[in-house]
Structures are given as structure tokens and as C-alpha cells.
Amino acid sequence: MILHKWGVVDYEVAYEKMRDVHNEASKDKDNHLILCSHPSIFTVGTDDCGKWSVKTVKSDRGGSITCHSEGQAIAYFCFQVTEPLLFYRSVKRVYEDLFSSILPDVSYDKGNPGYYIENRKIASLGFRYRFGVSLHGVALNVDVDLSFHNQVSPCNIKGIVPTSLANEGIQLSLDEVNDSIVRSVCKAFDETI
């Protein structure tokens, strides 16, 4: 697996860079994992049909509205995918492994894809597949400005509010969380870096 650490990067810039990595993965047949975060922005996916009181940027991932901001651990997967369902299950294992060690109360909701503690959403995920390689990924709130995130309901689901590891009493740095994500990815996908 090839690891890309981009730090904080504007969403639009990261989107173009991710497409470049996707093209690279299509050629080199390797798995590429991108770790980054974005300055505050709301993105909307292909399933979105809402009108928003906040400025949004269109994305070609699935799903509705998602909030990104600094303090969020974003993992973009440009992975070789022969069967999307098996790939998705492996991604779920990554985060189940991560949460089991730091916040066991988190669970995955199949009906509203994402990770929750009761009605509090802590991580969003959305993917697209092109030429046998995945695009997009998972955004985990580590220590974000929840007043910004609270401007809309996560993924436009009524009664759901955003939360973060810090808000749930877990004090880990973004680097520590990213290191844990990499370890869990290597374990779930039987990869080395």
C-alpha cells in the first residue's frame, strides 16, 4: 500500500489530487491510501436533492450533505476493487477495529451508512468506483468545531447531530488517530506500507 499524507488541503484541490492518485492506481495496480483534512466546507453527493442554508460544493461520491473541517481524519481510498461489497466490508472492518479499541459504543448503521453513538454521528463514508478502483472514503470527527458542523443534520437525517472523539471524552491527536487508521487498514486489507 502506498500512503499519501497531505495534511490540511482545500477540498477542491484534494479532489483533483485524488483523481490523479486514482489514475495512478489504475495504472500501477497498487492500493493508495490518502490521509488529510479540509478547511471548513460542506459537500453534497450524488444522492442529494436538498436546498441548503450553507454554501455547498458538489462531489461525485454517493450520499447527501457532509461537513468537513480541520480536526477531521479523512481517509480517501484509491484501492483496487473487484467486488465493491467485499471492499466496503473491509473498510467497515477498519473502523470497527479502530472504534473497538478507543470508543466501543460506536456502531455502524446500515440504513443510514455511517458510525453513530445513539443519535450522534461521528463518521461518514461514501465511495464511488471507476475502472476497478475506489474513490472517496471516510471522514472521522476527531476534534472539530461542532458549532460549524451543527449547521445541518449529518447526511440530512432528521434527529441526528454531529459529535467527535473529543466531544465523547476521547483525547487523541489527529496524528494518533491517523496512525491507528493505517494500522487497521493494513490489518483489514492484509497490506504493508
Protein backbone atom coordinates (compact mmCIF):
# COMPACT_ATOMS: atom_id res chain seq x y z
CA MET A 1 0.00 0.00 0.00
CA ILE A 2 1.21 3.47 -0.87
CA LEU A 3 0.48 6.09 1.80
CA HIS A 4 -0.11 9.77 0.95
CA LYS A 5 -0.14 12.29 3.83
CA TRP A 6 -1.42 15.66 2.65
CA GLY A 7 -2.17 17.47 5.91
CA VAL A 8 -4.76 20.26 5.61
CA VAL A 9 -5.73 20.84 1.97
CA ASP A 10 -8.66 22.63 0.34
CA TYR A 11 -11.39 20.20 -0.72
CA GLU A 12 -11.30 21.19 -4.40
CA VAL A 13 -7.50 20.78 -4.52
CA ALA A 14 -7.70 17.44 -2.73
CA TYR A 15 -10.42 16.25 -5.11
CA GLU A 16 -8.19 16.93 -8.14
CA LYS A 17 -5.19 15.32 -6.43
CA MET A 18 -7.32 12.29 -5.50
CA ARG A 19 -8.31 11.90 -9.16
CA ASP A 20 -4.59 11.94 -10.05
CA VAL A 21 -3.89 9.24 -7.44
CA HIS A 22 -6.87 7.27 -8.76
CA ASN A 23 -5.37 7.39 -12.27
CA GLU A 24 -2.03 6.30 -10.84
CA ALA A 25 -3.71 3.40 -9.00
CA SER A 26 -5.46 2.38 -12.23
CA LYS A 27 -2.04 2.05 -13.87
CA ASP A 28 0.22 0.71 -11.10
CA LYS A 29 -2.45 -1.68 -9.69
CA ASP A 30 -1.43 -0.71 -6.16
CA ASN A 31 -3.64 0.38 -3.27
CA HIS A 32 -3.23 4.05 -2.34
CA LEU A 33 -4.43 5.49 0.99
CA ILE A 34 -4.69 9.27 1.32
CA LEU A 35 -4.81 10.93 4.75
CA CYS A 36 -5.81 14.58 5.02
CA SER A 37 -8.28 17.10 6.40
CA HIS A 38 -10.01 20.09 4.83
CA PRO A 39 -10.74 23.65 5.88
CA SER A 40 -14.42 24.09 6.78
CA ILE A 41 -16.72 23.12 3.89
CA PHE A 42 -19.99 21.31 3.17
CA THR A 43 -20.00 18.85 0.28
CA VAL A 44 -23.01 17.18 -1.32
CA GLY A 45 -23.02 13.81 -3.05
CA THR A 46 -24.96 12.39 -5.99
CA ASP A 47 -27.93 11.38 -3.80
CA ASP A 48 -28.51 14.97 -2.68
CA CYS A 49 -31.62 16.86 -3.75
CA GLY A 50 -31.84 19.45 -0.97
CA LYS A 51 -31.56 23.22 -0.83
CA TRP A 52 -29.19 24.33 1.89
CA SER A 53 -28.77 27.40 4.05
CA VAL A 54 -25.00 26.86 3.82
CA LYS A 55 -22.69 27.05 0.82
CA THR A 56 -22.04 23.59 -0.64
CA VAL A 57 -19.63 22.05 -3.13
CA LYS A 58 -20.76 19.22 -5.43
CA SER A 59 -18.98 15.88 -5.22
CA ASP A 60 -19.33 12.70 -7.29
CA ARG A 61 -19.41 10.43 -4.22
CA GLY A 62 -22.64 8.85 -3.02
CA GLY A 63 -24.73 10.30 -0.23
CA SER A 64 -26.16 13.67 0.74
CA ILE A 65 -24.53 16.51 2.67
CA THR A 66 -21.29 16.05 4.61
CA CYS A 67 -19.37 18.56 6.69
CA HIS A 68 -15.58 18.68 6.56
CA SER A 69 -13.29 20.75 8.76
CA GLU A 70 -9.87 20.75 10.35
CA GLY A 71 -9.63 18.23 13.16
CA GLN A 72 -11.24 15.58 10.99
CA ALA A 73 -9.34 12.42 10.00
CA ILE A 74 -10.20 11.85 6.35
CA ALA A 75 -9.06 8.66 4.67
CA TYR A 76 -9.50 8.52 0.90
CA PHE A 77 -9.19 5.03 -0.53
CA CYS A 78 -7.92 4.60 -4.10
CA PHE A 79 -7.94 0.81 -3.79
CA GLN A 80 -8.18 -2.00 -6.31
CA VAL A 81 -11.78 -3.24 -6.16
CA THR A 82 -13.05 -6.35 -7.88
CA GLU A 83 -16.17 -6.65 -5.72
CA PRO A 84 -17.46 -3.38 -4.20
CA LEU A 85 -19.40 -5.19 -1.44
CA LEU A 86 -16.30 -7.03 -0.21
CA PHE A 87 -14.26 -3.82 -0.36
CA TYR A 88 -16.94 -1.98 1.62
CA ARG A 89 -16.99 -4.73 4.25
CA SER A 90 -13.21 -4.42 4.62
CA VAL A 91 -13.50 -0.65 5.10
CA LYS A 92 -16.16 -1.28 7.76
CA ARG A 93 -13.74 -3.69 9.50
CA VAL A 94 -11.09 -0.94 9.54
CA TYR A 95 -13.33 1.37 11.54
CA GLU A 96 -14.89 -1.35 13.69
CA ASP A 97 -11.35 -2.33 14.70
CA LEU A 98 -10.45 1.30 15.41
CA PHE A 99 -13.59 2.05 17.45
CA SER A 100 -13.43 -1.21 19.41
CA SER A 101 -10.16 -0.06 20.94
CA ILE A 102 -10.99 3.59 21.63
CA LEU A 103 -14.79 4.03 21.75
CA PRO A 104 -16.71 0.73 21.83
CA ASP A 105 -20.13 2.45 21.99
CA VAL A 106 -19.83 3.38 18.29
CA SER A 107 -21.87 1.27 15.88
CA TYR A 108 -22.42 1.18 12.12
CA ASP A 109 -25.92 1.94 10.82
CA LYS A 110 -26.65 0.08 7.58
CA GLY A 111 -29.84 2.05 6.93
CA ASN A 112 -28.06 5.39 7.23
CA PRO A 113 -24.46 4.47 6.35
CA GLY A 114 -22.12 5.89 8.93
CA TYR A 115 -20.92 5.44 12.50
CA TYR A 116 -23.05 6.57 15.43
CA ILE A 117 -23.35 6.70 19.19
CA GLU A 118 -27.12 6.71 19.68
CA ASN A 119 -28.26 9.75 17.63
CA ARG A 120 -24.76 11.26 17.37
CA LYS A 121 -22.86 10.75 14.12
CA ILE A 122 -19.09 10.53 14.46
CA ALA A 123 -18.02 9.33 10.99
CA SER A 124 -19.38 9.49 7.45
CA LEU A 125 -18.45 7.34 4.50
CA GLY A 126 -19.12 7.48 0.79
CA PHE A 127 -17.50 5.84 -2.21
CA ARG A 128 -17.51 5.70 -5.96
CA TYR A 129 -15.88 3.06 -8.18
CA ARG A 130 -14.33 3.68 -11.57
CA PHE A 131 -12.13 1.43 -13.69
CA GLY A 132 -11.90 -1.09 -10.84
CA VAL A 133 -10.52 1.46 -8.35
CA SER A 134 -12.38 3.17 -5.49
CA LEU A 135 -12.64 6.90 -4.90
CA HIS A 136 -13.54 8.94 -1.80
CA GLY A 137 -13.66 7.42 1.68
CA VAL A 138 -14.32 8.05 5.36
CA ALA A 139 -14.37 11.25 7.43
CA LEU A 140 -13.97 10.74 11.19
CA ASN A 141 -14.52 13.68 13.55
CA VAL A 142 -11.56 13.72 15.92
CA ASP A 143 -11.65 17.24 17.39
CA VAL A 144 -13.77 19.53 15.23
CA ASP A 145 -15.72 22.75 15.72
CA LEU A 146 -19.14 21.24 16.37
CA SER A 147 -20.84 24.65 16.13
CA PHE A 148 -19.86 24.68 12.45
CA HIS A 149 -20.88 21.04 11.93
CA ASN A 150 -24.23 21.65 13.65
CA GLN A 151 -25.43 23.99 10.90
CA VAL A 152 -27.01 20.99 9.14
CA SER A 153 -28.03 17.48 10.16
CA PRO A 154 -25.35 14.98 9.10
CA CYS A 155 -26.35 13.42 5.76
CA ASN A 156 -29.67 15.30 6.08
CA ILE A 157 -31.02 12.77 8.60
CA LYS A 158 -33.59 14.24 10.99
CA GLY A 159 -32.77 13.87 14.67
CA ILE A 160 -29.08 13.16 14.07
CA VAL A 161 -26.41 15.51 15.43
CA PRO A 162 -22.66 15.50 14.86
CA THR A 163 -20.17 14.50 17.52
CA SER A 164 -16.44 13.90 17.74
CA LEU A 165 -13.97 11.77 19.66
CA ALA A 166 -13.09 14.83 21.77
CA ASN A 167 -16.77 15.52 22.48
CA GLU A 168 -17.14 11.90 23.64
CA GLY A 169 -14.20 12.28 26.03
CA ILE A 170 -11.51 10.64 23.86
CA GLN A 171 -8.42 12.84 23.77
CA LEU A 172 -6.31 11.69 20.84
CA SER A 173 -4.37 13.79 18.38
CA LEU A 174 -5.11 13.67 14.67
CA ASP A 175 -1.72 12.01 14.12
CA GLU A 176 -2.51 9.30 16.68
CA VAL A 177 -5.88 8.60 15.03
CA ASN A 178 -4.33 8.53 11.55
CA ASP A 179 -1.67 6.09 12.76
CA SER A 180 -4.43 3.85 14.14
CA ILE A 181 -6.33 4.06 10.84
CA VAL A 182 -3.23 2.99 8.90
CA ARG A 183 -2.67 0.03 11.24
CA SER A 184 -6.32 -1.01 10.92
CA VAL A 185 -6.23 -0.67 7.11
CA CYS A 186 -3.11 -2.85 6.94
CA LYS A 187 -4.83 -5.45 9.12
CA ALA A 188 -8.19 -5.45 7.29
CA PHE A 189 -6.69 -5.48 3.79
CA ASP A 190 -3.61 -7.60 4.62
CA GLU A 191 -1.35 -4.77 3.47
CA THR A 192 2.05 -3.36 4.36
CA ILE A 193 3.39 0.13 3.76
